[in-house]
Amino acid sequence: MSIETECDAIRLAAKLLHKAASHIGVLKAIDWCPDVAERFFASGAHELPRPAYTPSDPGSSQVALAELRSVKIGHPVIAAWVERQAEAIGNAAMMMANALASSKMIRLKRDARSIRAPCSLC
């Protein structure tokens, strides 16, 4: 593999890693919108708010990572580094999707327990 081809492959890998990582937004996903934070502190900050979080879709990250798998990098150290970064980004994307979906399920279960069905024996 020529040096120019290797450099092109590394540049493409970097672009795909960036594309995959830019869709995750770990801190953005758990950030409170300004009005939630304002109400929290205005009320004396006694009870944490329960903002609604939007589940993350790992699909666009997975597409970029799938494309990255076809990029062939000849230098073993760089290839191993790219592979580790891709694995970390893929894990973070799945973690965010699962964590936010799980928190929604926990909230639904808690809400369901608070609603008691009418029972003639109670």
Protein backbone atom coordinates (compact mmCIF):
# COMPACT_ATOMS: atom_id res chain seq x y z
CA MET A 1 0.00 0.00 0.00
CA SER A 2 1.42 3.39 -0.98
CA ILE A 3 1.86 6.14 1.59
CA GLU A 4 -0.74 8.25 -0.22
CA THR A 5 -3.29 5.41 -0.13
CA GLU A 6 -2.53 4.79 3.56
CA CYS A 7 -3.00 8.49 4.37
CA ASP A 8 -6.31 8.52 2.48
CA ALA A 9 -7.49 5.48 4.44
CA ILE A 10 -6.51 7.11 7.75
CA ARG A 11 -8.31 10.35 6.79
CA LEU A 12 -11.43 8.39 5.85
CA ALA A 13 -11.27 6.44 9.12
CA ALA A 14 -10.98 9.71 11.06
CA LYS A 15 -14.01 11.17 9.23
CA LEU A 16 -16.08 8.07 9.92
CA LEU A 17 -15.08 7.99 13.60
CA HIS A 18 -16.08 11.64 13.91
CA LYS A 19 -19.37 11.01 12.11
CA ALA A 20 -20.18 8.06 14.38
CA ALA A 21 -19.27 9.93 17.57
CA SER A 22 -21.08 13.15 16.68
CA HIS A 23 -24.48 11.43 16.77
CA ILE A 24 -24.14 10.13 20.33
CA GLY A 25 -24.18 13.29 22.46
CA VAL A 26 -23.77 11.76 25.92
CA LEU A 27 -23.79 15.04 27.84
CA LYS A 28 -26.42 16.60 25.60
CA ALA A 29 -28.72 13.63 26.22
CA ILE A 30 -28.74 14.12 29.99
CA ASP A 31 -28.66 17.92 30.08
CA TRP A 32 -31.59 19.79 31.57
CA CYS A 33 -33.17 22.38 29.32
CA PRO A 34 -32.86 25.91 30.77
CA ASP A 35 -36.44 26.13 32.06
CA VAL A 36 -36.11 22.85 34.01
CA ALA A 37 -32.92 24.08 35.68
CA GLU A 38 -34.49 27.48 36.37
CA ARG A 39 -37.57 25.95 38.05
CA PHE A 40 -35.35 23.57 40.06
CA PHE A 41 -33.23 26.35 41.54
CA ALA A 42 -36.19 28.74 41.92
CA SER A 43 -38.00 26.13 44.04
CA GLY A 44 -35.07 25.89 46.45
CA ALA A 45 -33.44 22.83 44.84
CA HIS A 46 -35.10 20.43 47.29
CA GLU A 47 -36.24 17.74 44.86
CA LEU A 48 -34.57 16.80 41.60
CA PRO A 49 -36.71 17.41 38.54
CA ARG A 50 -37.82 14.54 36.35
CA PRO A 51 -37.23 15.84 32.85
CA ALA A 52 -38.27 13.78 29.86
CA TYR A 53 -35.28 12.42 27.99
CA THR A 54 -35.45 11.44 24.36
CA PRO A 55 -34.01 7.99 23.66
CA SER A 56 -30.93 8.01 21.49
CA ASP A 57 -30.99 6.16 18.18
CA PRO A 58 -27.66 4.41 17.64
CA GLY A 59 -28.52 3.73 13.98
CA SER A 60 -26.53 6.55 12.38
CA SER A 61 -23.48 5.74 14.51
CA GLN A 62 -23.76 2.07 13.56
CA VAL A 63 -23.96 2.95 9.85
CA ALA A 64 -20.73 4.99 10.06
CA LEU A 65 -19.02 2.23 12.06
CA ALA A 66 -20.13 -0.40 9.55
CA GLU A 67 -18.63 1.70 6.77
CA LEU A 68 -15.46 2.08 8.84
CA ARG A 69 -15.02 -1.71 8.96
CA SER A 70 -14.39 -1.71 5.20
CA VAL A 71 -11.51 0.78 5.52
CA LYS A 72 -8.18 -1.04 5.35
CA ILE A 73 -5.32 0.57 7.26
CA GLY A 74 -1.96 -1.06 6.76
CA HIS A 75 -0.11 0.24 9.81
CA PRO A 76 -0.96 -2.15 12.67
CA VAL A 77 -0.67 0.42 15.47
CA ILE A 78 -2.96 2.91 13.73
CA ALA A 79 -5.38 0.13 12.72
CA ALA A 80 -5.56 -1.08 16.34
CA TRP A 81 -6.16 2.48 17.59
CA VAL A 82 -8.98 3.02 15.07
CA GLU A 83 -10.51 -0.31 16.10
CA ARG A 84 -10.43 0.64 19.80
CA GLN A 85 -12.03 4.02 19.07
CA ALA A 86 -14.74 2.38 16.96
CA GLU A 87 -15.49 -0.10 19.73
CA ALA A 88 -15.71 2.67 22.34
CA ILE A 89 -18.01 4.76 20.14
CA GLY A 90 -20.21 1.75 19.37
CA ASN A 91 -20.45 0.87 23.06
CA ALA A 92 -21.32 4.47 23.98
CA ALA A 93 -24.05 4.61 21.32
CA MET A 94 -25.63 1.38 22.55
CA MET A 95 -25.23 2.41 26.20
CA MET A 96 -27.08 5.68 25.56
CA ALA A 97 -29.88 3.96 23.65
CA ASN A 98 -30.29 1.28 26.33
CA ALA A 99 -29.98 3.63 29.32
CA LEU A 100 -32.59 6.06 28.13
CA ALA A 101 -34.94 3.27 27.04
CA SER A 102 -34.48 1.56 30.43
CA SER A 103 -35.23 4.75 32.33
CA LYS A 104 -38.46 5.07 30.35
CA MET A 105 -39.42 1.48 31.25
CA ILE A 106 -38.68 2.11 34.94
CA ARG A 107 -40.85 5.23 34.85
CA LEU A 108 -43.68 3.33 33.13
CA LYS A 109 -43.51 0.53 35.73
CA ARG A 110 -43.51 3.05 38.58
CA ASP A 111 -46.52 4.82 37.07
CA ALA A 112 -48.34 1.50 36.56
CA ARG A 113 -47.80 0.56 40.22
CA SER A 114 -49.29 3.85 41.34
CA ILE A 115 -52.55 3.09 39.51
CA ARG A 116 -54.58 0.56 41.45
CA ALA A 117 -57.18 -1.46 39.64
CA PRO A 118 -60.59 -1.56 41.31
CA CYS A 119 -60.98 -4.80 43.21
CA SER A 120 -64.14 -6.09 44.84
CA LEU A 121 -62.04 -7.88 47.49
CA CYS A 122 -60.14 -4.75 48.60
